[in-house]
Amino acid sequence: MTTHKIAYNFTATLSLFPTENGGRKKPVYDHYRPSFSFSTLQHFSGEICFINLKELQPGGTATAIVKLLPSRHIRQNLKSGDAFTILEGDKIVGTGVIQHIEQDKNIVITQ
């Protein structure tokens, strides 16, 4: 059986909600691993690597590289300008907009 999974790496502008608006109470750090949602009910795991920044405070905005873990359920047509939400469990802690797709590929797994 062959399974195709989709992997994405992209640059995005991220904004965390302020604490008083339901956001986090503490900052997030480089290599932060939240979940992401792209206009669907499904959540996808990934990692955020900040560009020229070590931490992002609640209410802050930054540019980062997002690396999504491979999944066959990720839309194959993500593009620049697409918005997404940043989640911790079921709680939305921020939003983002894709600036540039760095890498998109199909991963073939043979079993």
PDB file of N, CA and C in Angstrom:
ATOM      1  N   MET A   1       0.839  -1.173   0.000  1.00  0.00           N
ATOM      2  CA  MET A   1       0.000   0.000   0.000  1.00  0.00           C
ATOM      3  C   MET A   1       0.888   1.241   0.000  1.00  0.00           C
ATOM      4  N   THR A   2       0.560   2.213  -0.834  1.00  0.00           N
ATOM      5  CA  THR A   2       1.296   3.464  -0.895  1.00  0.00           C
ATOM      6  C   THR A   2       0.416   4.582  -0.365  1.00  0.00           C
ATOM      7  N   THR A   3       0.953   5.369   0.543  1.00  0.00           N
ATOM      8  CA  THR A   3       0.233   6.487   1.117  1.00  0.00           C
ATOM      9  C   THR A   3       0.985   7.767   0.802  1.00  0.00           C
ATOM     10  N   HIS A   4       0.272   8.789   0.371  1.00  0.00           N
ATOM     11  CA  HIS A   4       0.883  10.088   0.115  1.00  0.00           C
ATOM     12  C   HIS A   4       0.543  11.011   1.271  1.00  0.00           C
ATOM     13  N   LYS A   5       1.543  11.648   1.827  1.00  0.00           N
ATOM     14  CA  LYS A   5       1.330  12.628   2.878  1.00  0.00           C
ATOM     15  C   LYS A   5       1.889  13.960   2.393  1.00  0.00           C
ATOM     16  N   ILE A   6       1.285  15.058   2.815  1.00  0.00           N
ATOM     17  CA  ILE A   6       1.697  16.379   2.391  1.00  0.00           C
ATOM     18  C   ILE A   6       2.490  17.042   3.516  1.00  0.00           C
ATOM     19  N   ALA A   7       3.607  17.694   3.173  1.00  0.00           N
ATOM     20  CA  ALA A   7       4.407  18.441   4.141  1.00  0.00           C
ATOM     21  C   ALA A   7       4.549  19.879   3.657  1.00  0.00           C
ATOM     22  N   TYR A   8       4.466  20.817   4.557  1.00  0.00           N
ATOM     23  CA  TYR A   8       4.629  22.228   4.227  1.00  0.00           C
ATOM     24  C   TYR A   8       5.606  22.887   5.180  1.00  0.00           C
ATOM     25  N   ASN A   9       6.449  23.749   4.630  1.00  0.00           N
ATOM     26  CA  ASN A   9       7.261  24.697   5.382  1.00  0.00           C
ATOM     27  C   ASN A   9       6.969  26.046   4.752  1.00  0.00           C
ATOM     28  N   PHE A  10       6.643  27.039   5.577  1.00  0.00           N
ATOM     29  CA  PHE A  10       6.343  28.350   5.008  1.00  0.00           C
ATOM     30  C   PHE A  10       6.721  29.459   5.976  1.00  0.00           C
ATOM     31  N   THR A  11       6.920  30.651   5.409  1.00  0.00           N
ATOM     32  CA  THR A  11       7.145  31.848   6.193  1.00  0.00           C
ATOM     33  C   THR A  11       5.801  32.504   6.411  1.00  0.00           C
ATOM     34  N   ALA A  12       5.553  32.980   7.644  1.00  0.00           N
ATOM     35  CA  ALA A  12       4.265  33.577   7.973  1.00  0.00           C
ATOM     36  C   ALA A  12       4.441  34.738   8.945  1.00  0.00           C
ATOM     37  N   THR A  13       3.465  35.625   8.933  1.00  0.00           N
ATOM     38  CA  THR A  13       3.368  36.656   9.953  1.00  0.00           C
ATOM     39  C   THR A  13       2.407  36.132  11.007  1.00  0.00           C
ATOM     40  N   LEU A  14       2.870  36.080  12.261  1.00  0.00           N
ATOM     41  CA  LEU A  14       2.082  35.526  13.362  1.00  0.00           C
ATOM     42  C   LEU A  14       1.723  36.632  14.345  1.00  0.00           C
ATOM     43  N   SER A  15       0.532  36.563  14.897  1.00  0.00           N
ATOM     44  CA  SER A  15       0.102  37.492  15.948  1.00  0.00           C
ATOM     45  C   SER A  15      -0.518  36.688  17.080  1.00  0.00           C
ATOM     46  N   LEU A  16      -0.007  36.905  18.287  1.00  0.00           N
ATOM     47  CA  LEU A  16      -0.592  36.269  19.468  1.00  0.00           C
ATOM     48  C   LEU A  16      -1.629  37.209  20.070  1.00  0.00           C
ATOM     49  N   PHE A  17      -2.727  36.642  20.552  1.00  0.00           N
ATOM     50  CA  PHE A  17      -3.745  37.453  21.212  1.00  0.00           C
ATOM     51  C   PHE A  17      -3.194  37.997  22.526  1.00  0.00           C
ATOM     52  N   PRO A  18      -3.571  39.225  22.902  1.00  0.00           N
ATOM     53  CA  PRO A  18      -3.187  39.741  24.219  1.00  0.00           C
ATOM     54  C   PRO A  18      -3.858  38.926  25.323  1.00  0.00           C
ATOM     55  N   THR A  19      -3.243  38.889  26.476  1.00  0.00           N
ATOM     56  CA  THR A  19      -3.784  38.139  27.609  1.00  0.00           C
ATOM     57  C   THR A  19      -5.206  38.577  27.935  1.00  0.00           C
ATOM     58  N   GLU A  20      -5.459  39.888  27.921  1.00  0.00           N
ATOM     59  CA  GLU A  20      -6.785  40.401  28.275  1.00  0.00           C
ATOM     60  C   GLU A  20      -7.854  40.043  27.241  1.00  0.00           C
ATOM     61  N   ASN A  21      -7.443  39.563  26.063  1.00  0.00           N
ATOM     62  CA  ASN A  21      -8.396  39.126  25.029  1.00  0.00           C
ATOM     63  C   ASN A  21      -8.416  37.608  24.889  1.00  0.00           C
ATOM     64  N   GLY A  22      -8.041  36.904  25.938  1.00  0.00           N
ATOM     65  CA  GLY A  22      -8.099  35.446  25.924  1.00  0.00           C
ATOM     66  C   GLY A  22      -6.826  34.759  25.487  1.00  0.00           C
ATOM     67  N   GLY A  23      -5.749  35.525  25.284  1.00  0.00           N
ATOM     68  CA  GLY A  23      -4.480  34.943  24.854  1.00  0.00           C
ATOM     69  C   GLY A  23      -3.687  34.352  26.002  1.00  0.00           C
ATOM     70  N   ARG A  24      -2.484  33.944  25.690  1.00  0.00           N
ATOM     71  CA  ARG A  24      -1.580  33.361  26.678  1.00  0.00           C
ATOM     72  C   ARG A  24      -1.204  34.388  27.741  1.00  0.00           C
ATOM     73  N   LYS A  25      -0.739  33.874  28.879  1.00  0.00           N
ATOM     74  CA  LYS A  25      -0.248  34.751  29.937  1.00  0.00           C
ATOM     75  C   LYS A  25       1.272  34.901  29.852  1.00  0.00           C
ATOM     76  N   LYS A  26       1.928  33.947  29.207  1.00  0.00           N
ATOM     77  CA  LYS A  26       3.387  33.957  29.106  1.00  0.00           C
ATOM     78  C   LYS A  26       3.800  33.960  27.638  1.00  0.00           C
ATOM     79  N   PRO A  27       5.035  34.376  27.358  1.00  0.00           N
ATOM     80  CA  PRO A  27       5.502  34.399  25.967  1.00  0.00           C
ATOM     81  C   PRO A  27       5.719  32.992  25.416  1.00  0.00           C
ATOM     82  N   VAL A  28       5.836  32.907  24.097  1.00  0.00           N
ATOM     83  CA  VAL A  28       6.230  31.660  23.448  1.00  0.00           C
ATOM     84  C   VAL A  28       7.668  31.841  22.975  1.00  0.00           C
ATOM     85  N   TYR A  29       8.382  30.754  22.871  1.00  0.00           N
ATOM     86  CA  TYR A  29       9.798  30.790  22.527  1.00  0.00           C
ATOM     87  C   TYR A  29      10.051  30.100  21.198  1.00  0.00           C
ATOM     88  N   ASP A  30      11.241  30.358  20.653  1.00  0.00           N
ATOM     89  CA  ASP A  30      11.655  29.712  19.414  1.00  0.00           C
ATOM     90  C   ASP A  30      11.460  28.200  19.541  1.00  0.00           C
ATOM     91  N   HIS A  31      11.006  27.557  18.505  1.00  0.00           N
ATOM     92  CA  HIS A  31      10.711  26.120  18.440  1.00  0.00           C
ATOM     93  C   HIS A  31       9.419  25.752  19.185  1.00  0.00           C
ATOM     94  N   TYR A  32       8.556  26.726  19.356  1.00  0.00           N
ATOM     95  CA  TYR A  32       7.220  26.546  19.948  1.00  0.00           C
ATOM     96  C   TYR A  32       6.434  25.581  19.063  1.00  0.00           C
ATOM     97  N   ARG A  33       5.683  24.660  19.662  1.00  0.00           N
ATOM     98  CA  ARG A  33       4.977  23.615  18.920  1.00  0.00           C
ATOM     99  C   ARG A  33       3.475  23.600  19.216  1.00  0.00           C
ATOM    100  N   PRO A  34       2.755  24.539  18.629  1.00  0.00           N
ATOM    101  CA  PRO A  34       1.289  24.545  18.785  1.00  0.00           C
ATOM    102  C   PRO A  34       0.638  23.712  17.689  1.00  0.00           C
ATOM    103  N   SER A  35      -0.673  23.789  17.610  1.00  0.00           N
ATOM    104  CA  SER A  35      -1.426  23.214  16.501  1.00  0.00           C
ATOM    105  C   SER A  35      -1.884  24.356  15.600  1.00  0.00           C
ATOM    106  N   PHE A  36      -2.222  24.019  14.362  1.00  0.00           N
ATOM    107  CA  PHE A  36      -2.646  25.000  13.376  1.00  0.00           C
ATOM    108  C   PHE A  36      -3.934  24.527  12.717  1.00  0.00           C
ATOM    109  N   SER A  37      -4.783  25.479  12.342  1.00  0.00           N
ATOM    110  CA  SER A  37      -6.011  25.149  11.628  1.00  0.00           C
ATOM    111  C   SER A  37      -6.144  26.089  10.436  1.00  0.00           C
ATOM    112  N   PHE A  38      -6.449  25.520   9.275  1.00  0.00           N
ATOM    113  CA  PHE A  38      -6.587  26.269   8.029  1.00  0.00           C
ATOM    114  C   PHE A  38      -8.028  26.195   7.546  1.00  0.00           C
ATOM    115  N   SER A  39      -8.922  26.945   8.147  1.00  0.00           N
ATOM    116  CA  SER A  39     -10.338  26.995   7.753  1.00  0.00           C
ATOM    117  C   SER A  39     -11.012  25.624   7.769  1.00  0.00           C
ATOM    118  N   THR A  40     -10.565  24.759   8.638  1.00  0.00           N
ATOM    119  CA  THR A  40     -11.186  23.440   8.780  1.00  0.00           C
ATOM    120  C   THR A  40     -11.331  23.135  10.265  1.00  0.00           C
ATOM    121  N   LEU A  41     -12.010  22.068  10.562  1.00  0.00           N
ATOM    122  CA  LEU A  41     -12.130  21.641  11.952  1.00  0.00           C
ATOM    123  C   LEU A  41     -10.923  20.816  12.381  1.00  0.00           C
ATOM    124  N   GLN A  42     -10.075  20.439  11.419  1.00  0.00           N
ATOM    125  CA  GLN A  42      -8.907  19.629  11.742  1.00  0.00           C
ATOM    126  C   GLN A  42      -7.761  20.503  12.228  1.00  0.00           C
ATOM    127  N   HIS A  43      -6.995  19.977  13.180  1.00  0.00           N
ATOM    128  CA  HIS A  43      -5.817  20.659  13.693  1.00  0.00           C
ATOM    129  C   HIS A  43      -4.584  19.899  13.217  1.00  0.00           C
ATOM    130  N   PHE A  44      -3.536  20.642  12.862  1.00  0.00           N
ATOM    131  CA  PHE A  44      -2.299  20.042  12.385  1.00  0.00           C
ATOM    132  C   PHE A  44      -1.155  20.470  13.288  1.00  0.00           C
ATOM    133  N   SER A  45      -0.262  19.540  13.600  1.00  0.00           N
ATOM    134  CA  SER A  45       0.876  19.830  14.465  1.00  0.00           C
ATOM    135  C   SER A  45       2.005  20.440  13.663  1.00  0.00           C
ATOM    136  N   GLY A  46       2.764  21.294  14.318  1.00  0.00           N
ATOM    137  CA  GLY A  46       3.898  21.906  13.649  1.00  0.00           C
ATOM    138  C   GLY A  46       4.787  22.629  14.638  1.00  0.00           C
ATOM    139  N   GLU A  47       5.786  23.310  14.090  1.00  0.00           N
ATOM    140  CA  GLU A  47       6.767  24.014  14.902  1.00  0.00           C
ATOM    141  C   GLU A  47       6.972  25.412  14.335  1.00  0.00           C
ATOM    142  N   ILE A  48       7.124  26.391  15.231  1.00  0.00           N
ATOM    143  CA  ILE A  48       7.378  27.773  14.841  1.00  0.00           C
ATOM    144  C   ILE A  48       8.822  28.106  15.180  1.00  0.00           C
ATOM    145  N   CYS A  49       9.566  28.592  14.194  1.00  0.00           N
ATOM    146  CA  CYS A  49      10.941  29.058  14.392  1.00  0.00           C
ATOM    147  C   CYS A  49      10.971  30.541  14.042  1.00  0.00           C
ATOM    148  N   PHE A  50      11.198  31.383  15.041  1.00  0.00           N
ATOM    149  CA  PHE A  50      11.196  32.826  14.815  1.00  0.00           C
ATOM    150  C   PHE A  50      12.417  33.271  14.026  1.00  0.00           C
ATOM    151  N   ILE A  51      12.242  34.325  13.251  1.00  0.00           N
ATOM    152  CA  ILE A  51      13.339  34.913  12.485  1.00  0.00           C
ATOM    153  C   ILE A  51      13.849  36.117  13.268  1.00  0.00           C
ATOM    154  N   ASN A  52      15.093  36.068  13.711  1.00  0.00           N
ATOM    155  CA  ASN A  52      15.728  37.160  14.471  1.00  0.00           C
ATOM    156  C   ASN A  52      14.994  37.492  15.769  1.00  0.00           C
ATOM    157  N   LEU A  53      14.458  36.477  16.427  1.00  0.00           N
ATOM    158  CA  LEU A  53      13.707  36.688  17.656  1.00  0.00           C
ATOM    159  C   LEU A  53      13.768  35.405  18.481  1.00  0.00           C
ATOM    160  N   LYS A  54      13.859  35.530  19.804  1.00  0.00           N
ATOM    161  CA  LYS A  54      13.906  34.339  20.652  1.00  0.00           C
ATOM    162  C   LYS A  54      12.582  34.065  21.337  1.00  0.00           C
ATOM    163  N   GLU A  55      11.772  35.122  21.536  1.00  0.00           N
ATOM    164  CA  GLU A  55      10.474  34.940  22.176  1.00  0.00           C
ATOM    165  C   GLU A  55       9.489  35.958  21.631  1.00  0.00           C
ATOM    166  N   LEU A  56       8.202  35.619  21.755  1.00  0.00           N
ATOM    167  CA  LEU A  56       7.122  36.502  21.330  1.00  0.00           C
ATOM    168  C   LEU A  56       6.148  36.637  22.491  1.00  0.00           C
ATOM    169  N   GLN A  57       5.940  37.856  22.925  1.00  0.00           N
ATOM    170  CA  GLN A  57       5.055  38.144  24.048  1.00  0.00           C
ATOM    171  C   GLN A  57       3.587  38.095  23.608  1.00  0.00           C
ATOM    172  N   PRO A  58       2.660  37.812  24.522  1.00  0.00           N
ATOM    173  CA  PRO A  58       1.233  37.911  24.192  1.00  0.00           C
ATOM    174  C   PRO A  58       0.930  39.316  23.670  1.00  0.00           C
ATOM    175  N   GLY A  59       0.155  39.383  22.594  1.00  0.00           N
ATOM    176  CA  GLY A  59      -0.156  40.662  21.955  1.00  0.00           C
ATOM    177  C   GLY A  59       0.858  41.061  20.899  1.00  0.00           C
ATOM    178  N   GLY A  60       1.940  40.287  20.758  1.00  0.00           N
ATOM    179  CA  GLY A  60       3.002  40.615  19.811  1.00  0.00           C
ATOM    180  C   GLY A  60       2.785  40.002  18.437  1.00  0.00           C
ATOM    181  N   THR A  61       3.541  40.534  17.469  1.00  0.00           N
ATOM    182  CA  THR A  61       3.511  40.060  16.091  1.00  0.00           C
ATOM    183  C   THR A  61       4.943  39.815  15.638  1.00  0.00           C
ATOM    184  N   ALA A  62       5.157  38.759  14.874  1.00  0.00           N
ATOM    185  CA  ALA A  62       6.499  38.422  14.394  1.00  0.00           C
ATOM    186  C   ALA A  62       6.415  37.634  13.092  1.00  0.00           C
ATOM    187  N   THR A  63       7.539  37.612  12.390  1.00  0.00           N
ATOM    188  CA  THR A  63       7.683  36.765  11.208  1.00  0.00           C
ATOM    189  C   THR A  63       8.400  35.497  11.639  1.00  0.00           C
ATOM    190  N   ALA A  64       7.928  34.357  11.145  1.00  0.00           N
ATOM    191  CA  ALA A  64       8.505  33.077  11.555  1.00  0.00           C
ATOM    192  C   ALA A  64       8.402  32.067  10.419  1.00  0.00           C
ATOM    193  N   ILE A  65       9.178  31.021  10.553  1.00  0.00           N
ATOM    194  CA  ILE A  65       9.067  29.877   9.650  1.00  0.00           C
ATOM    195  C   ILE A  65       8.233  28.828  10.371  1.00  0.00           C
ATOM    196  N   VAL A  66       7.202  28.348   9.716  1.00  0.00           N
ATOM    197  CA  VAL A  66       6.328  27.314  10.265  1.00  0.00           C
ATOM    198  C   VAL A  66       6.610  26.021   9.520  1.00  0.00           C
ATOM    199  N   LYS A  67       6.851  24.958  10.271  1.00  0.00           N
ATOM    200  CA  LYS A  67       7.085  23.631   9.692  1.00  0.00           C
ATOM    201  C   LYS A  67       5.960  22.728  10.157  1.00  0.00           C
ATOM    202  N   LEU A  68       5.089  22.330   9.237  1.00  0.00           N
ATOM    203  CA  LEU A  68       3.999  21.433   9.593  1.00  0.00           C
ATOM    204  C   LEU A  68       4.462  19.994   9.478  1.00  0.00           C
ATOM    205  N   LEU A  69       4.046  19.163  10.426  1.00  0.00           N
ATOM    206  CA  LEU A  69       4.332  17.740  10.325  1.00  0.00           C
ATOM    207  C   LEU A  69       3.544  17.166   9.155  1.00  0.00           C
ATOM    208  N   PRO A  70       4.091  16.185   8.452  1.00  0.00           N
ATOM    209  CA  PRO A  70       3.380  15.612   7.306  1.00  0.00           C
ATOM    210  C   PRO A  70       2.028  15.016   7.692  1.00  0.00           C
ATOM    211  N   SER A  71       1.061  15.217   6.818  1.00  0.00           N
ATOM    212  CA  SER A  71      -0.285  14.670   7.017  1.00  0.00           C
ATOM    213  C   SER A  71      -0.961  14.548   5.658  1.00  0.00           C
ATOM    214  N   ARG A  72      -1.701  13.504   5.457  1.00  0.00           N
ATOM    215  CA  ARG A  72      -2.407  13.362   4.178  1.00  0.00           C
ATOM    216  C   ARG A  72      -3.658  14.227   4.129  1.00  0.00           C
ATOM    217  N   HIS A  73      -4.018  14.856   5.260  1.00  0.00           N
ATOM    218  CA  HIS A  73      -5.236  15.642   5.311  1.00  0.00           C
ATOM    219  C   HIS A  73      -5.016  17.138   5.096  1.00  0.00           C
ATOM    220  N   ILE A  74      -3.761  17.591   5.046  1.00  0.00           N
ATOM    221  CA  ILE A  74      -3.496  19.007   4.808  1.00  0.00           C
ATOM    222  C   ILE A  74      -3.863  19.326   3.363  1.00  0.00           C
ATOM    223  N   ARG A  75      -4.512  20.457   3.176  1.00  0.00           N
ATOM    224  CA  ARG A  75      -4.859  20.872   1.815  1.00  0.00           C
ATOM    225  C   ARG A  75      -3.599  20.980   0.968  1.00  0.00           C
ATOM    226  N   GLN A  76      -3.678  20.520  -0.249  1.00  0.00           N
ATOM    227  CA  GLN A  76      -2.520  20.561  -1.130  1.00  0.00           C
ATOM    228  C   GLN A  76      -2.376  21.916  -1.808  1.00  0.00           C
ATOM    229  N   ASN A  77      -3.314  22.809  -1.590  1.00  0.00           N
ATOM    230  CA  ASN A  77      -3.280  24.075  -2.301  1.00  0.00           C
ATOM    231  C   ASN A  77      -3.073  25.278  -1.378  1.00  0.00           C
ATOM    232  N   LEU A  78      -2.396  25.112  -0.263  1.00  0.00           N
ATOM    233  CA  LEU A  78      -2.081  26.264   0.572  1.00  0.00           C
ATOM    234  C   LEU A  78      -1.221  27.223  -0.232  1.00  0.00           C
ATOM    235  N   LYS A  79      -1.452  28.533  -0.036  1.00  0.00           N
ATOM    236  CA  LYS A  79      -0.721  29.524  -0.822  1.00  0.00           C
ATOM    237  C   LYS A  79      -0.505  30.793  -0.009  1.00  0.00           C
ATOM    238  N   SER A  80       0.325  31.675  -0.529  1.00  0.00           N
ATOM    239  CA  SER A  80       0.562  32.967   0.101  1.00  0.00           C
ATOM    240  C   SER A  80      -0.762  33.695   0.280  1.00  0.00           C
ATOM    241  N   GLY A  81      -0.934  34.317   1.436  1.00  0.00           N
ATOM    242  CA  GLY A  81      -2.159  35.047   1.738  1.00  0.00           C
ATOM    243  C   GLY A  81      -3.189  34.243   2.504  1.00  0.00           C
ATOM    244  N   ASP A  82      -3.019  32.916   2.587  1.00  0.00           N
ATOM    245  CA  ASP A  82      -3.965  32.087   3.351  1.00  0.00           C
ATOM    246  C   ASP A  82      -3.795  32.353   4.845  1.00  0.00           C
ATOM    247  N   ALA A  83      -4.915  32.480   5.544  1.00  0.00           N
ATOM    248  CA  ALA A  83      -4.909  32.716   6.992  1.00  0.00           C
ATOM    249  C   ALA A  83      -5.048  31.401   7.742  1.00  0.00           C
ATOM    250  N   PHE A  84      -4.581  31.396   8.981  1.00  0.00           N
ATOM    251  CA  PHE A  84      -4.710  30.217   9.834  1.00  0.00           C
ATOM    252  C   PHE A  84      -4.798  30.662  11.282  1.00  0.00           C
ATOM    253  N   THR A  85      -5.220  29.736  12.140  1.00  0.00           N
ATOM    254  CA  THR A  85      -5.265  29.997  13.573  1.00  0.00           C
ATOM    255  C   THR A  85      -4.208  29.152  14.270  1.00  0.00           C
ATOM    256  N   ILE A  86      -3.725  29.676  15.396  1.00  0.00           N
ATOM    257  CA  ILE A  86      -2.737  28.990  16.227  1.00  0.00           C
ATOM    258  C   ILE A  86      -3.470  28.536  17.483  1.00  0.00           C
ATOM    259  N   LEU A  87      -3.368  27.248  17.792  1.00  0.00           N
ATOM    260  CA  LEU A  87      -4.128  26.687  18.910  1.00  0.00           C
ATOM    261  C   LEU A  87      -3.237  25.968  19.910  1.00  0.00           C
ATOM    262  N   GLU A  88      -3.689  25.989  21.159  1.00  0.00           N
ATOM    263  CA  GLU A  88      -3.132  25.140  22.215  1.00  0.00           C
ATOM    264  C   GLU A  88      -4.305  24.316  22.710  1.00  0.00           C
ATOM    265  N   GLY A  89      -4.336  23.067  22.331  1.00  0.00           N
ATOM    266  CA  GLY A  89      -5.518  22.245  22.589  1.00  0.00           C
ATOM    267  C   GLY A  89      -6.657  22.810  21.756  1.00  0.00           C
ATOM    268  N   ASP A  90      -7.788  23.124  22.390  1.00  0.00           N
ATOM    269  CA  ASP A  90      -8.915  23.719  21.675  1.00  0.00           C
ATOM    270  C   ASP A  90      -8.961  25.235  21.813  1.00  0.00           C
ATOM    271  N   LYS A  91      -7.976  25.822  22.487  1.00  0.00           N
ATOM    272  CA  LYS A  91      -7.962  27.268  22.723  1.00  0.00           C
ATOM    273  C   LYS A  91      -7.170  27.981  21.631  1.00  0.00           C
ATOM    274  N   ILE A  92      -7.810  28.959  20.980  1.00  0.00           N
ATOM    275  CA  ILE A  92      -7.133  29.754  19.958  1.00  0.00           C
ATOM    276  C   ILE A  92      -6.311  30.822  20.670  1.00  0.00           C
ATOM    277  N   VAL A  93      -4.990  30.840  20.417  1.00  0.00           N
ATOM    278  CA  VAL A  93      -4.096  31.788  21.076  1.00  0.00           C
ATOM    279  C   VAL A  93      -3.528  32.830  20.117  1.00  0.00           C
ATOM    280  N   GLY A  94      -3.773  32.649  18.815  1.00  0.00           N
ATOM    281  CA  GLY A  94      -3.261  33.609  17.849  1.00  0.00           C
ATOM    282  C   GLY A  94      -3.690  33.283  16.438  1.00  0.00           C
ATOM    283  N   THR A  95      -3.232  34.122  15.519  1.00  0.00           N
ATOM    284  CA  THR A  95      -3.545  33.946  14.106  1.00  0.00           C
ATOM    285  C   THR A  95      -2.279  34.144  13.279  1.00  0.00           C
ATOM    286  N   GLY A  96      -2.353  33.777  12.029  1.00  0.00           N
ATOM    287  CA  GLY A  96      -1.226  33.975  11.129  1.00  0.00           C
ATOM    288  C   GLY A  96      -1.678  34.060   9.695  1.00  0.00           C
ATOM    289  N   VAL A  97      -0.775  34.569   8.850  1.00  0.00           N
ATOM    290  CA  VAL A  97      -1.010  34.654   7.416  1.00  0.00           C
ATOM    291  C   VAL A  97       0.251  34.157   6.716  1.00  0.00           C
ATOM    292  N   ILE A  98       0.076  33.227   5.784  1.00  0.00           N
ATOM    293  CA  ILE A  98       1.213  32.695   5.020  1.00  0.00           C
ATOM    294  C   ILE A  98       1.755  33.796   4.109  1.00  0.00           C
ATOM    295  N   GLN A  99       3.066  34.019   4.189  1.00  0.00           N
ATOM    296  CA  GLN A  99       3.721  34.991   3.311  1.00  0.00           C
ATOM    297  C   GLN A  99       4.334  34.319   2.086  1.00  0.00           C
ATOM    298  N   HIS A 100       4.955  33.162   2.314  1.00  0.00           N
ATOM    299  CA  HIS A 100       5.659  32.473   1.221  1.00  0.00           C
ATOM    300  C   HIS A 100       5.785  30.993   1.554  1.00  0.00           C
ATOM    301  N   ILE A 101       5.387  30.135   0.637  1.00  0.00           N
ATOM    302  CA  ILE A 101       5.567  28.688   0.810  1.00  0.00           C
ATOM    303  C   ILE A 101       7.023  28.367   0.498  1.00  0.00           C
ATOM    304  N   GLU A 102       7.744  27.859   1.489  1.00  0.00           N
ATOM    305  CA  GLU A 102       9.155  27.520   1.310  1.00  0.00           C
ATOM    306  C   GLU A 102       9.314  26.166   0.625  1.00  0.00           C
ATOM    307  N   GLN A 103       8.434  25.254   1.020  1.00  0.00           N
ATOM    308  CA  GLN A 103       8.579  23.892   0.526  1.00  0.00           C
ATOM    309  C   GLN A 103       7.218  23.226   0.638  1.00  0.00           C
ATOM    310  N   ASP A 104       6.799  22.608  -0.430  1.00  0.00           N
ATOM    311  CA  ASP A 104       5.611  21.762  -0.340  1.00  0.00           C
ATOM    312  C   ASP A 104       5.925  20.514  -1.130  1.00  0.00           C
ATOM    313  N   LYS A 105       5.557  19.396  -0.573  1.00  0.00           N
ATOM    314  CA  LYS A 105       5.935  18.156  -1.239  1.00  0.00           C
ATOM    315  C   LYS A 105       5.014  17.035  -0.801  1.00  0.00           C
ATOM    316  N   ASN A 106       4.931  16.056  -1.649  1.00  0.00           N
ATOM    317  CA  ASN A 106       4.241  14.809  -1.327  1.00  0.00           C
ATOM    318  C   ASN A 106       5.285  13.836  -0.831  1.00  0.00           C
ATOM    319  N   ILE A 107       4.998  13.187   0.256  1.00  0.00           N
ATOM    320  CA  ILE A 107       5.882  12.157   0.791  1.00  0.00           C
ATOM    321  C   ILE A 107       5.216  10.810   0.513  1.00  0.00           C
ATOM    322  N   VAL A 108       5.922   9.933  -0.147  1.00  0.00           N
ATOM    323  CA  VAL A 108       5.371   8.629  -0.477  1.00  0.00           C
ATOM    324  C   VAL A 108       5.856   7.614   0.541  1.00  0.00           C
ATOM    325  N   ILE A 109       4.927   6.915   1.156  1.00  0.00           N
ATOM    326  CA  ILE A 109       5.265   5.888   2.142  1.00  0.00           C
ATOM    327  C   ILE A 109       4.770   4.552   1.603  1.00  0.00           C
ATOM    328  N   THR A 110       5.672   3.611   1.435  1.00  0.00           N
ATOM    329  CA  THR A 110       5.308   2.290   0.954  1.00  0.00           C
ATOM    330  C   THR A 110       5.315   1.321   2.116  1.00  0.00           C
ATOM    331  N   GLN A 111       4.208   0.614   2.256  1.00  0.00           N
ATOM    332  CA  GLN A 111       4.107  -0.342   3.362  1.00  0.00           C
ATOM    333  C   GLN A 111       3.907  -1.734   2.845  1.00  0.00           C
TER     334      GLN A 111
END
